[in-house]
């Protein structure tokens, strides 16, 4: 089964908010979350204007075609069947909203459980979200 995710890069006065979609491997540990957290940790002072471009280049340089970032798509909306919404803001950094159930949970991700992923290693992520 696919673990779908959105990545939202909060806009600035120079760029609008952008939304990306990943159809599978969107989970935190061992998936998209770990890749994003590693990138954010290794790249201080990254800004919203080039966050995704640098993230994709970083992953391809590090992991080649095994990074699966080539499958990330630009979209114009939050997808309804997602389990994770990763949000990058230049001021607050990287975080994730986690949908813990598809029953009785609002579709609006802002009411889901929120976890900060700033400066996290794989072990930090496993301790933060051991449910995977």
Protein backbone atom coordinates (compact mmCIF):
# COMPACT_ATOMS: atom_id res chain seq x y z
CA UNK A 1 0.00 0.00 0.00
CA UNK A 2 1.23 3.48 -0.81
CA UNK A 3 2.08 5.97 1.90
CA UNK A 4 1.17 9.28 0.32
CA UNK A 5 2.52 12.65 1.40
CA UNK A 6 2.43 16.32 0.55
CA UNK A 7 5.32 18.72 0.93
CA UNK A 8 4.29 22.32 1.44
CA UNK A 9 6.87 25.05 1.10
CA UNK A 10 5.46 28.14 2.77
CA UNK A 11 5.56 31.18 0.55
CA UNK A 12 7.46 34.40 1.01
CA UNK A 13 6.98 37.89 -0.33
CA UNK A 14 8.95 36.71 -3.39
CA UNK A 15 7.34 33.33 -4.02
CA UNK A 16 3.90 31.80 -3.48
CA UNK A 17 3.24 28.73 -1.33
CA UNK A 18 4.03 25.61 -3.35
CA UNK A 19 2.61 22.14 -2.82
CA UNK A 20 4.20 18.86 -3.90
CA UNK A 21 2.85 15.32 -3.88
CA UNK A 22 4.63 11.99 -3.38
CA UNK A 23 2.59 8.86 -4.05
CA UNK A 24 4.62 6.39 -1.98
CA UNK A 25 7.35 6.18 0.68
CA UNK A 26 6.04 9.33 2.37
CA UNK A 27 6.56 7.96 5.89
CA UNK A 28 8.92 9.59 8.36
CA UNK A 29 11.54 6.96 9.23
CA UNK A 30 13.25 5.47 6.17
CA UNK A 31 11.18 7.53 3.75
CA UNK A 32 10.55 11.07 2.62
CA UNK A 33 10.59 12.47 6.15
CA UNK A 34 14.06 11.15 6.81
CA UNK A 35 15.31 12.50 3.49
CA UNK A 36 13.85 15.95 4.20
CA UNK A 37 15.17 16.03 7.77
CA UNK A 38 18.66 15.00 6.65
CA UNK A 39 18.66 17.67 3.95
CA UNK A 40 17.45 20.37 6.34
CA UNK A 41 20.07 19.36 8.92
CA UNK A 42 22.92 19.44 6.36
CA UNK A 43 21.87 22.75 4.79
CA UNK A 44 21.71 25.68 7.18
CA UNK A 45 20.03 28.90 6.13
CA UNK A 46 18.08 27.30 3.28
CA UNK A 47 15.28 29.49 2.01
CA UNK A 48 11.84 28.80 0.62
CA UNK A 49 12.71 30.11 -2.84
CA UNK A 50 15.00 27.18 -3.64
CA UNK A 51 14.18 24.58 -0.97
CA UNK A 52 12.78 21.89 -3.29
CA UNK A 53 15.29 22.44 -6.09
CA UNK A 54 18.18 22.05 -3.66
CA UNK A 55 16.49 19.12 -1.90
CA UNK A 56 16.05 17.17 -5.14
CA UNK A 57 19.60 17.93 -6.33
CA UNK A 58 20.97 16.93 -2.88
CA UNK A 59 19.15 13.59 -2.91
CA UNK A 60 20.11 12.71 -6.49
CA UNK A 61 23.75 13.61 -5.82
CA UNK A 62 23.76 11.53 -2.63
CA UNK A 63 21.63 8.54 -3.67
CA UNK A 64 21.34 8.66 -7.45
CA UNK A 65 18.22 7.09 -8.89
CA UNK A 66 17.63 5.23 -5.62
CA UNK A 67 16.48 8.47 -4.01
CA UNK A 68 13.03 8.30 -5.67
CA UNK A 69 12.73 12.11 -5.52
CA UNK A 70 12.17 12.12 -9.27
CA UNK A 71 8.63 10.96 -8.48
CA UNK A 72 7.74 14.10 -6.51
CA UNK A 73 5.16 16.11 -8.42
CA UNK A 74 4.14 19.75 -8.26
CA UNK A 75 0.43 20.00 -7.50
CA UNK A 76 -2.12 22.71 -6.87
CA UNK A 77 -3.84 21.23 -3.81
CA UNK A 78 -3.51 19.15 -0.67
CA UNK A 79 -4.43 15.58 -1.56
CA UNK A 80 -7.23 14.02 0.49
CA UNK A 81 -5.75 10.55 0.95
CA UNK A 82 -2.40 11.54 2.40
CA UNK A 83 -0.91 10.37 5.68
CA UNK A 84 1.86 12.95 6.10
CA UNK A 85 2.09 16.66 5.30
CA UNK A 86 5.64 18.00 5.50
CA UNK A 87 5.86 21.76 5.86
CA UNK A 88 8.95 23.89 5.37
CA UNK A 89 9.02 27.49 6.53
CA UNK A 90 12.24 29.50 6.31
CA UNK A 91 11.69 30.91 9.82
CA UNK A 92 10.43 27.85 11.69
CA UNK A 93 12.13 25.10 9.69
CA UNK A 94 10.76 21.65 8.90
CA UNK A 95 7.82 19.87 10.48
CA UNK A 96 5.26 17.22 9.69
CA UNK A 97 1.55 16.80 10.31
CA UNK A 98 0.67 13.14 10.87
CA UNK A 99 -2.73 11.64 10.08
CA UNK A 100 -3.06 8.93 12.69
CA UNK A 101 -6.38 7.55 11.44
CA UNK A 102 -8.63 7.84 8.41
CA UNK A 103 -11.70 7.57 10.64
CA UNK A 104 -13.15 10.58 12.43
CA UNK A 105 -10.14 12.77 11.65
CA UNK A 106 -10.68 16.05 9.84
CA UNK A 107 -9.28 16.29 6.32
CA UNK A 108 -7.71 19.64 7.24
CA UNK A 109 -4.16 18.63 8.16
CA UNK A 110 -3.70 21.63 10.49
CA UNK A 111 -5.67 19.75 13.15
CA UNK A 112 -3.49 16.61 12.93
CA UNK A 113 -0.60 15.74 15.25
CA UNK A 114 2.39 18.00 14.51
CA UNK A 115 6.05 17.02 14.95
CA UNK A 116 9.09 19.26 14.48
CA UNK A 117 11.83 17.66 12.38
CA UNK A 118 14.54 20.32 12.69
CA UNK A 119 18.08 18.95 13.11
CA UNK A 120 16.91 15.34 13.43
CA UNK A 121 19.01 12.25 12.78
CA UNK A 122 17.53 8.85 11.93
CA UNK A 123 17.71 7.81 15.60
CA UNK A 124 15.99 11.04 16.64
CA UNK A 125 13.21 10.35 14.13
CA UNK A 126 12.77 6.77 15.35
CA UNK A 127 12.44 8.01 18.93
CA UNK A 128 10.08 10.81 17.89
CA UNK A 129 7.79 8.61 15.82
CA UNK A 130 8.28 4.93 16.78
CA UNK A 131 4.96 3.81 15.22
CA UNK A 132 6.61 2.87 11.92
